[in-house]
Amino acid sequence: MISLVLFALAGILIGGVIQLVKSGATRFSIGITAVLAVLAVAGGFAWWPAGEA
């Protein structure tokens, strides 16, 4: 369940990165959002139950 929430959060953050790039935001804000998205994906895989992989 937690892994599903983290993957959903990662999807929202990836969409945010795309929108930030399109709107011409600073590289810092794009980088922070991208790092958070990567951490959410990594957390999703870390919380993935071993029996379902």
C-alpha atoms as a PDB file:
ATOM      1  CA  MET A   1       0.000   0.000   0.000  1.00  0.00           C
ATOM      2  CA  ILE A   2       2.760   2.444   0.895  1.00  0.00           C
ATOM      3  CA  SER A   3       4.614   1.587  -2.304  1.00  0.00           C
ATOM      4  CA  LEU A   4       1.524   2.467  -4.341  1.00  0.00           C
ATOM      5  CA  VAL A   5       1.278   5.863  -2.626  1.00  0.00           C
ATOM      6  CA  LEU A   6       4.967   6.533  -3.269  1.00  0.00           C
ATOM      7  CA  PHE A   7       4.641   5.609  -6.946  1.00  0.00           C
ATOM      8  CA  ALA A   8       1.621   7.912  -7.256  1.00  0.00           C
ATOM      9  CA  LEU A   9       3.585  10.713  -5.605  1.00  0.00           C
ATOM     10  CA  ALA A  10       6.455  10.071  -8.013  1.00  0.00           C
ATOM     11  CA  GLY A  11       4.080  10.392 -10.956  1.00  0.00           C
ATOM     12  CA  ILE A  12       2.780  13.706  -9.681  1.00  0.00           C
ATOM     13  CA  LEU A  13       6.330  14.953  -9.147  1.00  0.00           C
ATOM     14  CA  ILE A  14       7.424  13.848 -12.621  1.00  0.00           C
ATOM     15  CA  GLY A  15       4.477  15.759 -14.058  1.00  0.00           C
ATOM     16  CA  GLY A  16       5.603  18.732 -12.006  1.00  0.00           C
ATOM     17  CA  VAL A  17       9.096  18.496 -13.458  1.00  0.00           C
ATOM     18  CA  ILE A  18       7.670  18.499 -16.973  1.00  0.00           C
ATOM     19  CA  GLN A  19       5.541  21.553 -16.220  1.00  0.00           C
ATOM     20  CA  LEU A  20       8.474  23.359 -14.593  1.00  0.00           C
ATOM     21  CA  VAL A  21      10.612  22.751 -17.673  1.00  0.00           C
ATOM     22  CA  LYS A  22       7.831  23.991 -19.981  1.00  0.00           C
ATOM     23  CA  SER A  23       7.302  27.128 -17.910  1.00  0.00           C
ATOM     24  CA  GLY A  24      11.009  27.968 -17.845  1.00  0.00           C
ATOM     25  CA  ALA A  25      11.509  27.645 -14.099  1.00  0.00           C
ATOM     26  CA  THR A  26      14.943  27.837 -12.513  1.00  0.00           C
ATOM     27  CA  ARG A  27      17.222  24.833 -12.763  1.00  0.00           C
ATOM     28  CA  PHE A  28      17.324  24.654  -8.967  1.00  0.00           C
ATOM     29  CA  SER A  29      13.565  24.143  -8.625  1.00  0.00           C
ATOM     30  CA  ILE A  30      13.557  21.610 -11.450  1.00  0.00           C
ATOM     31  CA  GLY A  31      16.449  19.742  -9.842  1.00  0.00           C
ATOM     32  CA  ILE A  32      14.844  19.656  -6.387  1.00  0.00           C
ATOM     33  CA  THR A  33      11.570  18.355  -7.819  1.00  0.00           C
ATOM     34  CA  ALA A  34      13.390  15.744  -9.900  1.00  0.00           C
ATOM     35  CA  VAL A  35      15.387  14.545  -6.893  1.00  0.00           C
ATOM     36  CA  LEU A  36      12.188  14.198  -4.863  1.00  0.00           C
ATOM     37  CA  ALA A  37      10.627  12.189  -7.708  1.00  0.00           C
ATOM     38  CA  VAL A  38      13.631   9.845  -7.820  1.00  0.00           C
ATOM     39  CA  LEU A  39      13.502   9.417  -4.041  1.00  0.00           C
ATOM     40  CA  ALA A  40       9.783   8.597  -4.226  1.00  0.00           C
ATOM     41  CA  VAL A  41      10.441   5.922  -6.872  1.00  0.00           C
ATOM     42  CA  ALA A  42      13.321   4.488  -4.836  1.00  0.00           C
ATOM     43  CA  GLY A  43      11.133   4.442  -1.743  1.00  0.00           C
ATOM     44  CA  GLY A  44       8.365   2.731  -3.682  1.00  0.00           C
ATOM     45  CA  PHE A  45      10.709  -0.058  -4.696  1.00  0.00           C
ATOM     46  CA  ALA A  46      12.137  -0.279  -1.187  1.00  0.00           C
ATOM     47  CA  TRP A  47       8.660  -0.715   0.344  1.00  0.00           C
ATOM     48  CA  TRP A  48       7.594  -3.210  -2.363  1.00  0.00           C
ATOM     49  CA  PRO A  49       6.679  -6.500  -0.650  1.00  0.00           C
ATOM     50  CA  ALA A  50       9.152  -9.258  -1.494  1.00  0.00           C
ATOM     51  CA  GLY A  51       6.411 -11.732  -2.394  1.00  0.00           C
ATOM     52  CA  GLU A  52       4.907  -9.501  -5.087  1.00  0.00           C
ATOM     53  CA  ALA A  53       8.091  -8.623  -6.985  1.00  0.00           C
END
